[in-house]
Amino acid sequence: ATTKTGTKVRFLADKKIFGRIEYNHNTILERVREAAFLTTGLKMIFIDEKQGTRDEFCYQDGLMAYIQYLHEDKEPLSEIVSISGSTGRITVDCAFQYIDSVQENIYSFVNHVRTTDGGTHVVGLKSAFTKAFNDYARSNALLKEKDRNFEGSDIREGLSSIVAITVPESMLQFEGQTKGKLGT
């Protein structure tokens, strides 16, 4: 009898299928850490028996902790903001922070799968930022009636954001075999 719960996953590649087998410790470590960020409160333990290492991850602040991790060596210009919501069977979690940089960094996920090429959820995030800034500027007379709206690229300069959505499998449509871009 025990009160312990959990799942143990052991991955051992078959040499007949994969031929030469080499595991990249850092790639697996980052993926396990990423999964812990995306699932608030879930404890993930990565044991590399070959290297004799054990790494444990559990983040109560989820995406906010992910942003903190990404910005460990950066100069923040704002607080971290986290937004969550759902409609129907779709949930959206987003966290963002401005840093002292000229680049924008958007990390996107669908059902815990990284979408490196973005997709409709990233387009929605970018559009929402642009609209929010322009609406605020207009309603507070920061932009006059004759002024052009702010460009999205200007608003997102220095912005780091993570958008993670959960969508039922029956509603998912990706572009390409690697699921790199959401098409739904």
N, C-alpha and C. Protein backbone atom coordinates (compact mmCIF):
# COMPACT_ATOMS: atom_id res chain seq x y z
N ALA A 1 0.86 -1.19 0.00
CA ALA A 1 0.00 0.00 0.00
C ALA A 1 0.89 1.24 0.00
N THR A 2 0.46 2.25 -0.75
CA THR A 2 1.23 3.48 -0.82
C THR A 2 0.30 4.66 -1.08
N THR A 3 0.77 5.83 -0.76
CA THR A 3 0.02 7.05 -1.05
C THR A 3 0.64 7.78 -2.24
N LYS A 4 1.71 7.22 -2.79
CA LYS A 4 2.39 7.85 -3.92
C LYS A 4 1.56 7.72 -5.19
N THR A 5 1.64 8.74 -6.03
CA THR A 5 0.99 8.72 -7.33
C THR A 5 1.98 9.21 -8.37
N GLY A 6 1.67 8.99 -9.62
CA GLY A 6 2.54 9.51 -10.67
C GLY A 6 2.69 8.53 -11.81
N THR A 7 3.48 8.94 -12.77
CA THR A 7 3.75 8.13 -13.94
C THR A 7 5.24 8.10 -14.16
N LYS A 8 5.76 6.94 -14.48
CA LYS A 8 7.17 6.80 -14.77
C LYS A 8 7.30 6.46 -16.25
N VAL A 9 8.09 7.25 -16.96
CA VAL A 9 8.33 7.01 -18.38
C VAL A 9 9.80 6.68 -18.55
N ARG A 10 10.07 5.57 -19.17
CA ARG A 10 11.46 5.16 -19.43
C ARG A 10 11.57 5.02 -20.94
N PHE A 11 12.54 5.72 -21.51
CA PHE A 11 12.73 5.68 -22.96
C PHE A 11 14.05 5.02 -23.29
N LEU A 12 13.98 3.92 -23.97
CA LEU A 12 15.17 3.22 -24.44
C LEU A 12 14.96 2.94 -25.94
N ALA A 13 15.72 3.60 -26.76
CA ALA A 13 15.57 3.46 -28.22
C ALA A 13 16.04 2.08 -28.67
N ASP A 14 15.37 1.56 -29.68
CA ASP A 14 15.72 0.25 -30.26
C ASP A 14 16.78 0.46 -31.34
N LYS A 15 17.95 -0.15 -31.17
CA LYS A 15 19.06 0.01 -32.11
C LYS A 15 18.70 -0.51 -33.50
N LYS A 16 17.79 -1.46 -33.58
CA LYS A 16 17.37 -2.00 -34.88
C LYS A 16 16.63 -0.94 -35.69
N ILE A 17 15.93 -0.06 -35.00
CA ILE A 17 15.14 0.97 -35.68
C ILE A 17 15.95 2.24 -35.88
N PHE A 18 16.65 2.68 -34.84
CA PHE A 18 17.33 3.96 -34.89
C PHE A 18 18.79 3.88 -35.30
N GLY A 19 19.36 2.70 -35.38
CA GLY A 19 20.77 2.58 -35.76
C GLY A 19 21.67 3.12 -34.68
N ARG A 20 22.33 4.21 -34.96
CA ARG A 20 23.22 4.86 -33.99
C ARG A 20 22.38 5.68 -33.01
N ILE A 21 22.52 5.39 -31.74
CA ILE A 21 21.70 6.06 -30.73
C ILE A 21 22.55 7.00 -29.91
N GLU A 22 22.17 8.28 -29.93
CA GLU A 22 22.79 9.28 -29.09
C GLU A 22 21.71 10.17 -28.50
N TYR A 23 21.66 10.23 -27.19
CA TYR A 23 20.70 11.10 -26.51
C TYR A 23 21.38 12.43 -26.23
N ASN A 24 20.68 13.51 -26.46
CA ASN A 24 21.21 14.82 -26.12
C ASN A 24 20.63 15.21 -24.76
N HIS A 25 21.44 15.11 -23.75
CA HIS A 25 21.01 15.39 -22.38
C HIS A 25 20.33 16.76 -22.27
N ASN A 26 20.95 17.79 -22.83
CA ASN A 26 20.41 19.15 -22.72
C ASN A 26 19.07 19.31 -23.41
N THR A 27 18.88 18.66 -24.55
CA THR A 27 17.60 18.73 -25.26
C THR A 27 16.49 18.12 -24.41
N ILE A 28 16.76 16.94 -23.86
CA ILE A 28 15.76 16.27 -23.03
C ILE A 28 15.50 17.07 -21.76
N LEU A 29 16.55 17.58 -21.15
CA LEU A 29 16.42 18.38 -19.93
C LEU A 29 15.53 19.60 -20.17
N GLU A 30 15.77 20.31 -21.27
CA GLU A 30 14.96 21.50 -21.59
C GLU A 30 13.51 21.14 -21.85
N ARG A 31 13.26 20.01 -22.50
CA ARG A 31 11.88 19.59 -22.78
C ARG A 31 11.15 19.23 -21.49
N VAL A 32 11.83 18.57 -20.56
CA VAL A 32 11.23 18.23 -19.27
C VAL A 32 10.94 19.50 -18.48
N ARG A 33 11.89 20.44 -18.47
CA ARG A 33 11.69 21.72 -17.78
C ARG A 33 10.51 22.47 -18.39
N GLU A 34 10.45 22.49 -19.72
CA GLU A 34 9.37 23.16 -20.44
C GLU A 34 8.01 22.56 -20.05
N ALA A 35 7.92 21.25 -19.99
CA ALA A 35 6.67 20.58 -19.61
C ALA A 35 6.26 20.96 -18.19
N ALA A 36 7.23 21.12 -17.29
CA ALA A 36 6.92 21.53 -15.92
C ALA A 36 6.40 22.96 -15.88
N PHE A 37 6.97 23.85 -16.68
CA PHE A 37 6.47 25.22 -16.76
C PHE A 37 5.03 25.24 -17.27
N LEU A 38 4.75 24.43 -18.28
CA LEU A 38 3.43 24.44 -18.92
C LEU A 38 2.34 23.79 -18.09
N THR A 39 2.73 22.96 -17.12
CA THR A 39 1.75 22.30 -16.26
C THR A 39 2.01 22.72 -14.83
N THR A 40 1.38 23.81 -14.43
CA THR A 40 1.59 24.40 -13.12
C THR A 40 1.43 23.35 -12.02
N GLY A 41 2.44 23.30 -11.14
CA GLY A 41 2.38 22.43 -9.98
C GLY A 41 2.78 20.98 -10.22
N LEU A 42 3.04 20.61 -11.46
CA LEU A 42 3.43 19.24 -11.77
C LEU A 42 4.92 19.05 -11.52
N LYS A 43 5.27 18.03 -10.74
CA LYS A 43 6.68 17.76 -10.48
C LYS A 43 7.20 16.83 -11.57
N MET A 44 8.28 17.27 -12.23
CA MET A 44 8.94 16.48 -13.27
C MET A 44 10.35 16.17 -12.78
N ILE A 45 10.73 14.90 -12.88
CA ILE A 45 12.07 14.48 -12.48
C ILE A 45 12.74 13.83 -13.68
N PHE A 46 13.92 14.32 -14.02
CA PHE A 46 14.69 13.77 -15.13
C PHE A 46 15.93 13.11 -14.57
N ILE A 47 16.01 11.80 -14.75
CA ILE A 47 17.16 11.04 -14.28
C ILE A 47 17.90 10.53 -15.51
N ASP A 48 19.14 10.96 -15.66
CA ASP A 48 19.98 10.49 -16.75
C ASP A 48 20.94 9.47 -16.14
N GLU A 49 20.62 8.20 -16.34
CA GLU A 49 21.42 7.13 -15.73
C GLU A 49 22.82 7.07 -16.31
N LYS A 50 22.97 7.44 -17.57
CA LYS A 50 24.29 7.41 -18.20
C LYS A 50 25.22 8.45 -17.58
N GLN A 51 24.70 9.68 -17.37
CA GLN A 51 25.52 10.74 -16.78
C GLN A 51 25.47 10.74 -15.25
N GLY A 52 24.53 9.99 -14.69
CA GLY A 52 24.39 9.95 -13.25
C GLY A 52 23.84 11.24 -12.66
N THR A 53 22.90 11.89 -13.38
CA THR A 53 22.34 13.15 -12.91
C THR A 53 20.85 12.99 -12.63
N ARG A 54 20.36 13.85 -11.75
CA ARG A 54 18.94 13.88 -11.41
C ARG A 54 18.53 15.35 -11.31
N ASP A 55 17.56 15.75 -12.11
CA ASP A 55 17.06 17.13 -12.09
C ASP A 55 15.56 17.09 -11.80
N GLU A 56 15.12 17.98 -10.92
CA GLU A 56 13.73 18.02 -10.51
C GLU A 56 13.17 19.41 -10.78
N PHE A 57 11.97 19.46 -11.35
CA PHE A 57 11.34 20.73 -11.69
C PHE A 57 9.89 20.73 -11.22
N CYS A 58 9.47 21.82 -10.61
CA CYS A 58 8.08 22.02 -10.24
C CYS A 58 7.87 23.53 -10.11
N TYR A 59 6.92 24.06 -10.85
CA TYR A 59 6.71 25.50 -10.87
C TYR A 59 5.26 25.82 -10.51
N GLN A 60 5.07 26.48 -9.39
CA GLN A 60 3.72 26.85 -8.96
C GLN A 60 3.19 28.05 -9.74
N ASP A 61 4.09 28.83 -10.36
CA ASP A 61 3.68 30.02 -11.11
C ASP A 61 3.68 29.80 -12.62
N GLY A 62 3.86 28.57 -13.08
CA GLY A 62 3.74 28.21 -14.47
C GLY A 62 4.45 29.12 -15.45
N LEU A 63 3.67 29.79 -16.30
CA LEU A 63 4.24 30.62 -17.36
C LEU A 63 4.98 31.84 -16.81
N MET A 64 4.56 32.34 -15.66
CA MET A 64 5.30 33.46 -15.06
C MET A 64 6.71 33.00 -14.68
N ALA A 65 6.82 31.80 -14.15
CA ALA A 65 8.13 31.24 -13.81
C ALA A 65 8.95 31.00 -15.08
N TYR A 66 8.28 30.64 -16.16
CA TYR A 66 8.96 30.43 -17.45
C TYR A 66 9.57 31.74 -17.93
N ILE A 67 8.80 32.82 -17.86
CA ILE A 67 9.31 34.14 -18.25
C ILE A 67 10.51 34.52 -17.36
N GLN A 68 10.40 34.29 -16.06
CA GLN A 68 11.52 34.59 -15.15
C GLN A 68 12.76 33.80 -15.56
N TYR A 69 12.58 32.54 -15.89
CA TYR A 69 13.69 31.69 -16.31
C TYR A 69 14.33 32.24 -17.59
N LEU A 70 13.51 32.63 -18.55
CA LEU A 70 14.03 33.16 -19.81
C LEU A 70 14.77 34.48 -19.62
N HIS A 71 14.40 35.23 -18.57
CA HIS A 71 14.96 36.57 -18.36
C HIS A 71 15.97 36.63 -17.22
N GLU A 72 16.54 35.49 -16.82
CA GLU A 72 17.49 35.49 -15.71
C GLU A 72 18.63 36.47 -15.90
N ASP A 73 19.09 36.64 -17.13
CA ASP A 73 20.22 37.53 -17.39
C ASP A 73 19.82 38.77 -18.19
N LYS A 74 18.53 39.11 -18.15
CA LYS A 74 18.02 40.26 -18.90
C LYS A 74 17.60 41.38 -17.95
N GLU A 75 17.47 42.57 -18.50
CA GLU A 75 17.03 43.74 -17.74
C GLU A 75 15.53 43.96 -17.98
N PRO A 76 14.66 43.65 -16.99
CA PRO A 76 13.22 43.83 -17.20
C PRO A 76 12.84 45.31 -17.21
N LEU A 77 11.86 45.64 -18.05
CA LEU A 77 11.33 47.00 -18.11
C LEU A 77 9.91 47.06 -17.55
N SER A 78 9.34 45.90 -17.26
CA SER A 78 7.99 45.84 -16.72
C SER A 78 7.86 44.63 -15.81
N GLU A 79 6.75 44.57 -15.11
CA GLU A 79 6.43 43.38 -14.34
C GLU A 79 5.99 42.28 -15.31
N ILE A 80 5.99 41.06 -14.84
CA ILE A 80 5.46 39.95 -15.63
C ILE A 80 3.94 39.96 -15.48
N VAL A 81 3.26 39.85 -16.61
CA VAL A 81 1.80 39.80 -16.62
C VAL A 81 1.37 38.43 -17.09
N SER A 82 0.38 37.87 -16.40
CA SER A 82 -0.14 36.56 -16.77
C SER A 82 -1.65 36.66 -16.97
N ILE A 83 -2.13 36.07 -18.05
CA ILE A 83 -3.55 36.10 -18.38
C ILE A 83 -3.98 34.70 -18.75
N SER A 84 -5.13 34.28 -18.24
CA SER A 84 -5.67 32.96 -18.58
C SER A 84 -7.16 33.10 -18.84
N GLY A 85 -7.66 32.26 -19.72
CA GLY A 85 -9.09 32.27 -19.99
C GLY A 85 -9.48 31.05 -20.81
N SER A 86 -10.77 30.86 -20.92
CA SER A 86 -11.25 29.76 -21.73
C SER A 86 -12.58 30.12 -22.36
N THR A 87 -12.84 29.46 -23.45
CA THR A 87 -14.12 29.58 -24.11
C THR A 87 -14.44 28.22 -24.70
N GLY A 88 -15.60 27.72 -24.38
CA GLY A 88 -15.91 26.37 -24.82
C GLY A 88 -14.91 25.40 -24.24
N ARG A 89 -14.29 24.62 -25.09
CA ARG A 89 -13.30 23.64 -24.63
C ARG A 89 -11.88 24.08 -24.94
N ILE A 90 -11.67 25.35 -25.24
CA ILE A 90 -10.35 25.88 -25.56
C ILE A 90 -9.89 26.76 -24.40
N THR A 91 -8.66 26.52 -23.94
CA THR A 91 -8.09 27.36 -22.89
C THR A 91 -6.85 28.06 -23.44
N VAL A 92 -6.64 29.26 -22.94
CA VAL A 92 -5.50 30.07 -23.37
C VAL A 92 -4.80 30.58 -22.13
N ASP A 93 -3.49 30.38 -22.08
CA ASP A 93 -2.65 30.93 -21.03
C ASP A 93 -1.57 31.76 -21.70
N CYS A 94 -1.31 32.93 -21.15
CA CYS A 94 -0.31 33.81 -21.73
C CYS A 94 0.42 34.54 -20.61
N ALA A 95 1.71 34.71 -20.79
CA ALA A 95 2.50 35.52 -19.87
C ALA A 95 3.45 36.36 -20.72
N PHE A 96 3.71 37.58 -20.26
CA PHE A 96 4.61 38.44 -21.03
C PHE A 96 5.30 39.45 -20.14
N GLN A 97 6.40 39.96 -20.66
CA GLN A 97 7.18 40.98 -19.97
C GLN A 97 8.02 41.72 -21.00
N TYR A 98 8.17 43.00 -20.79
CA TYR A 98 9.07 43.80 -21.63
C TYR A 98 10.46 43.79 -21.00
N ILE A 99 11.47 43.64 -21.86
CA ILE A 99 12.85 43.68 -21.41
C ILE A 99 13.62 44.69 -22.26
N ASP A 100 14.81 45.01 -21.82
CA ASP A 100 15.66 45.96 -22.54
C ASP A 100 16.29 45.24 -23.74
N SER A 101 15.55 45.22 -24.84
CA SER A 101 15.98 44.53 -26.06
C SER A 101 15.26 45.15 -27.24
N VAL A 102 15.78 44.93 -28.42
CA VAL A 102 15.10 45.41 -29.63
C VAL A 102 14.30 44.29 -30.29
N GLN A 103 14.50 43.07 -29.84
CA GLN A 103 13.82 41.92 -30.44
C GLN A 103 12.54 41.61 -29.70
N GLU A 104 11.63 40.94 -30.40
CA GLU A 104 10.48 40.34 -29.74
C GLU A 104 10.72 38.84 -29.72
N ASN A 105 10.31 38.20 -28.64
CA ASN A 105 10.44 36.76 -28.51
C ASN A 105 9.09 36.19 -28.13
N ILE A 106 8.55 35.35 -28.99
CA ILE A 106 7.26 34.72 -28.72
C ILE A 106 7.47 33.21 -28.74
N TYR A 107 7.12 32.58 -27.63
CA TYR A 107 7.17 31.13 -27.51
C TYR A 107 5.73 30.65 -27.52
N SER A 108 5.42 29.71 -28.41
CA SER A 108 4.03 29.28 -28.52
C SER A 108 3.90 27.77 -28.44
N PHE A 109 2.78 27.34 -27.83
CA PHE A 109 2.52 25.92 -27.61
C PHE A 109 1.05 25.61 -27.86
N VAL A 110 0.81 24.42 -28.37
CA VAL A 110 -0.55 23.90 -28.51
C VAL A 110 -0.55 22.51 -27.90
N ASN A 111 -1.35 22.31 -26.88
CA ASN A 111 -1.41 21.02 -26.19
C ASN A 111 -0.02 20.54 -25.79
N HIS A 112 0.79 21.45 -25.30
CA HIS A 112 2.15 21.19 -24.81
C HIS A 112 3.16 20.91 -25.92
N VAL A 113 2.76 21.05 -27.17
CA VAL A 113 3.68 20.87 -28.28
C VAL A 113 4.12 22.26 -28.73
N ARG A 114 5.43 22.48 -28.80
CA ARG A 114 5.92 23.78 -29.23
C ARG A 114 5.62 23.98 -30.71
N THR A 115 5.06 25.13 -31.02
CA THR A 115 4.77 25.48 -32.41
C THR A 115 5.80 26.53 -32.83
N THR A 116 6.92 26.06 -33.31
CA THR A 116 8.04 26.94 -33.63
C THR A 116 7.72 27.92 -34.76
N ASP A 117 6.78 27.55 -35.61
CA ASP A 117 6.41 28.44 -36.72
C ASP A 117 5.16 29.26 -36.42
N GLY A 118 4.70 29.21 -35.17
CA GLY A 118 3.56 30.02 -34.76
C GLY A 118 2.24 29.45 -35.20
N GLY A 119 1.41 30.31 -35.77
CA GLY A 119 0.09 29.90 -36.22
C GLY A 119 -0.96 30.91 -35.80
N THR A 120 -2.21 30.49 -35.85
CA THR A 120 -3.31 31.41 -35.59
C THR A 120 -3.29 31.95 -34.16
N HIS A 121 -2.82 31.17 -33.21
CA HIS A 121 -2.76 31.65 -31.82
C HIS A 121 -1.73 32.77 -31.66
N VAL A 122 -0.64 32.71 -32.41
CA VAL A 122 0.38 33.76 -32.36
C VAL A 122 -0.13 35.01 -33.09
N VAL A 123 -0.80 34.81 -34.21
CA VAL A 123 -1.39 35.95 -34.93
C VAL A 123 -2.39 36.66 -34.03
N GLY A 124 -3.20 35.89 -33.30
CA GLY A 124 -4.17 36.47 -32.38
C GLY A 124 -3.50 37.25 -31.26
N LEU A 125 -2.41 36.71 -30.71
CA LEU A 125 -1.67 37.39 -29.66
C LEU A 125 -1.12 38.73 -30.16
N LYS A 126 -0.49 38.69 -31.32
CA LYS A 126 0.08 39.92 -31.88
C LYS A 126 -1.01 40.95 -32.17
N SER A 127 -2.10 40.52 -32.73
CA SER A 127 -3.21 41.43 -33.04
C SER A 127 -3.79 42.04 -31.76
N ALA A 128 -3.91 41.22 -30.72
CA ALA A 128 -4.46 41.71 -29.45
C ALA A 128 -3.56 42.79 -28.84
N PHE A 129 -2.26 42.59 -28.88
CA PHE A 129 -1.33 43.60 -28.36
C PHE A 129 -1.47 44.91 -29.13
N THR A 130 -1.47 44.82 -30.45
CA THR A 130 -1.56 46.02 -31.27
C THR A 130 -2.87 46.75 -31.01
N LYS A 131 -3.97 46.02 -30.97
CA LYS A 131 -5.27 46.63 -30.74
C LYS A 131 -5.35 47.26 -29.36
N ALA A 132 -4.86 46.57 -28.34
CA ALA A 132 -4.92 47.10 -26.97
C ALA A 132 -4.14 48.41 -26.85
N PHE A 133 -2.94 48.45 -27.42
CA PHE A 133 -2.13 49.67 -27.34
C PHE A 133 -2.79 50.82 -28.10
N ASN A 134 -3.28 50.54 -29.29
CA ASN A 134 -3.91 51.59 -30.08
C ASN A 134 -5.21 52.08 -29.44
N ASP A 135 -6.02 51.17 -28.91
CA ASP A 135 -7.25 51.57 -28.23
C ASP A 135 -6.94 52.44 -27.02
N TYR A 136 -5.93 52.04 -26.25
CA TYR A 136 -5.55 52.81 -25.07
C TYR A 136 -5.05 54.20 -25.49
N ALA A 137 -4.21 54.24 -26.50
CA ALA A 137 -3.66 55.53 -26.96
C ALA A 137 -4.75 56.45 -27.47
N ARG A 138 -5.72 55.91 -28.17
CA ARG A 138 -6.83 56.74 -28.68
C ARG A 138 -7.74 57.22 -27.55
N SER A 139 -8.09 56.32 -26.64
CA SER A 139 -9.02 56.70 -25.57
C SER A 139 -8.40 57.65 -24.56
N ASN A 140 -7.06 57.71 -24.51
CA ASN A 140 -6.38 58.63 -23.59
C ASN A 140 -5.72 59.79 -24.31
N ALA A 141 -6.13 60.02 -25.56
CA ALA A 141 -5.67 61.15 -26.38
C ALA A 141 -4.15 61.17 -26.57
N LEU A 142 -3.52 60.02 -26.52
CA LEU A 142 -2.10 59.93 -26.82
C LEU A 142 -1.90 59.91 -28.34
N LEU A 143 -2.89 59.42 -29.04
CA LEU A 143 -2.95 59.51 -30.50
C LEU A 143 -4.14 60.38 -30.86
N LYS A 144 -3.91 61.37 -31.67
CA LYS A 144 -4.99 62.24 -32.11
C LYS A 144 -5.72 61.59 -33.28
N GLU A 145 -6.86 62.12 -33.62
CA GLU A 145 -7.68 61.56 -34.69
C GLU A 145 -6.93 61.45 -36.01
N LYS A 146 -6.08 62.44 -36.31
CA LYS A 146 -5.34 62.44 -37.58
C LYS A 146 -4.09 61.55 -37.56
N ASP A 147 -3.66 61.13 -36.36
CA ASP A 147 -2.46 60.30 -36.23
C ASP A 147 -2.72 58.88 -36.70
N ARG A 148 -1.67 58.28 -37.26
CA ARG A 148 -1.75 56.86 -37.63
C ARG A 148 -1.64 56.01 -36.38
N ASN A 149 -2.20 54.80 -36.46
CA ASN A 149 -2.06 53.85 -35.35
C ASN A 149 -0.61 53.40 -35.22
N PHE A 150 -0.28 52.91 -34.04
CA PHE A 150 1.04 52.32 -33.83
C PHE A 150 1.14 51.04 -34.66
N GLU A 151 2.34 50.76 -35.13
CA GLU A 151 2.60 49.51 -35.85
C GLU A 151 2.84 48.40 -34.83
N GLY A 152 2.41 47.20 -35.16
CA GLY A 152 2.58 46.07 -34.26
C GLY A 152 4.03 45.79 -33.92
N SER A 153 4.92 45.92 -34.90
CA SER A 153 6.34 45.64 -34.64
C SER A 153 6.94 46.62 -33.65
N ASP A 154 6.45 47.86 -33.64
CA ASP A 154 6.94 48.85 -32.68
C ASP A 154 6.47 48.52 -31.27
N ILE A 155 5.24 48.10 -31.15
CA ILE A 155 4.65 47.78 -29.85
C ILE A 155 5.32 46.55 -29.24
N ARG A 156 5.71 45.60 -30.07
CA ARG A 156 6.27 44.34 -29.58
C ARG A 156 7.79 44.36 -29.43
N GLU A 157 8.43 45.48 -29.70
CA GLU A 157 9.88 45.56 -29.53
C GLU A 157 10.21 45.38 -28.05
N GLY A 158 11.06 44.40 -27.74
CA GLY A 158 11.45 44.13 -26.37
C GLY A 158 10.46 43.26 -25.61
N LEU A 159 9.43 42.79 -26.27
CA LEU A 159 8.41 41.96 -25.63
C LEU A 159 8.79 40.49 -25.69
N SER A 160 8.77 39.84 -24.56
CA SER A 160 8.89 38.38 -24.50
C SER A 160 7.56 37.85 -24.04
N SER A 161 7.03 36.90 -24.77
CA SER A 161 5.72 36.37 -24.39
C SER A 161 5.66 34.87 -24.66
N ILE A 162 4.80 34.24 -23.90
CA ILE A 162 4.53 32.82 -24.05
C ILE A 162 3.02 32.68 -24.17
N VAL A 163 2.58 31.99 -25.20
CA VAL A 163 1.16 31.69 -25.35
C VAL A 163 1.02 30.18 -25.47
N ALA A 164 0.21 29.63 -24.59
CA ALA A 164 -0.02 28.18 -24.56
C ALA A 164 -1.51 27.94 -24.59
N ILE A 165 -1.96 27.21 -25.60
CA ILE A 165 -3.39 26.92 -25.70
C ILE A 165 -3.62 25.42 -25.63
N THR A 166 -4.80 25.08 -25.15
CA THR A 166 -5.23 23.69 -25.12
C THR A 166 -6.49 23.60 -25.96
N VAL A 167 -6.45 22.73 -26.95
CA VAL A 167 -7.54 22.58 -27.91
C VAL A 167 -7.88 21.09 -28.02
N PRO A 168 -9.16 20.73 -28.02
CA PRO A 168 -9.51 19.32 -28.22
C PRO A 168 -8.94 18.81 -29.55
N GLU A 169 -8.47 17.58 -29.54
CA GLU A 169 -7.86 16.98 -30.73
C GLU A 169 -8.78 17.06 -31.94
N SER A 170 -10.08 16.94 -31.72
CA SER A 170 -11.03 16.96 -32.84
C SER A 170 -11.08 18.31 -33.55
N MET A 171 -10.60 19.36 -32.89
CA MET A 171 -10.63 20.71 -33.47
C MET A 171 -9.28 21.14 -34.02
N LEU A 172 -8.24 20.34 -33.81
CA LEU A 172 -6.89 20.73 -34.21
C LEU A 172 -6.63 20.53 -35.68
N GLN A 173 -5.91 21.49 -36.23
CA GLN A 173 -5.42 21.38 -37.59
C GLN A 173 -4.07 22.09 -37.65
N PHE A 174 -3.03 21.30 -37.90
CA PHE A 174 -1.69 21.85 -38.02
C PHE A 174 -1.30 21.94 -39.48
N GLU A 175 -0.37 22.83 -39.77
CA GLU A 175 0.19 22.92 -41.12
C GLU A 175 1.53 22.20 -41.09
N GLY A 176 1.69 21.17 -41.88
CA GLY A 176 2.93 20.42 -41.97
C GLY A 176 2.97 19.22 -41.04
N GLN A 177 3.89 18.30 -41.32
CA GLN A 177 4.04 17.07 -40.57
C GLN A 177 4.56 17.28 -39.15
N THR A 178 5.39 18.29 -38.95
CA THR A 178 6.05 18.47 -37.66
C THR A 178 5.21 19.22 -36.64
N LYS A 179 4.00 19.60 -36.99
CA LYS A 179 3.11 20.36 -36.10
C LYS A 179 3.76 21.67 -35.66
N GLY A 180 4.52 22.28 -36.54
CA GLY A 180 5.22 23.51 -36.22
C GLY A 180 4.36 24.75 -36.29
N LYS A 181 3.18 24.63 -36.95
CA LYS A 181 2.33 25.81 -37.11
C LYS A 181 0.86 25.40 -36.99
N LEU A 182 0.15 26.12 -36.10
CA LEU A 182 -1.26 25.86 -35.91
C LEU A 182 -2.06 26.51 -37.04
N GLY A 183 -2.95 25.75 -37.64
CA GLY A 183 -3.78 26.28 -38.71
C GLY A 183 -5.22 26.51 -38.32
N THR A 184 -5.65 25.95 -37.19
CA THR A 184 -7.05 26.06 -36.74
C THR A 184 -7.37 27.50 -36.41
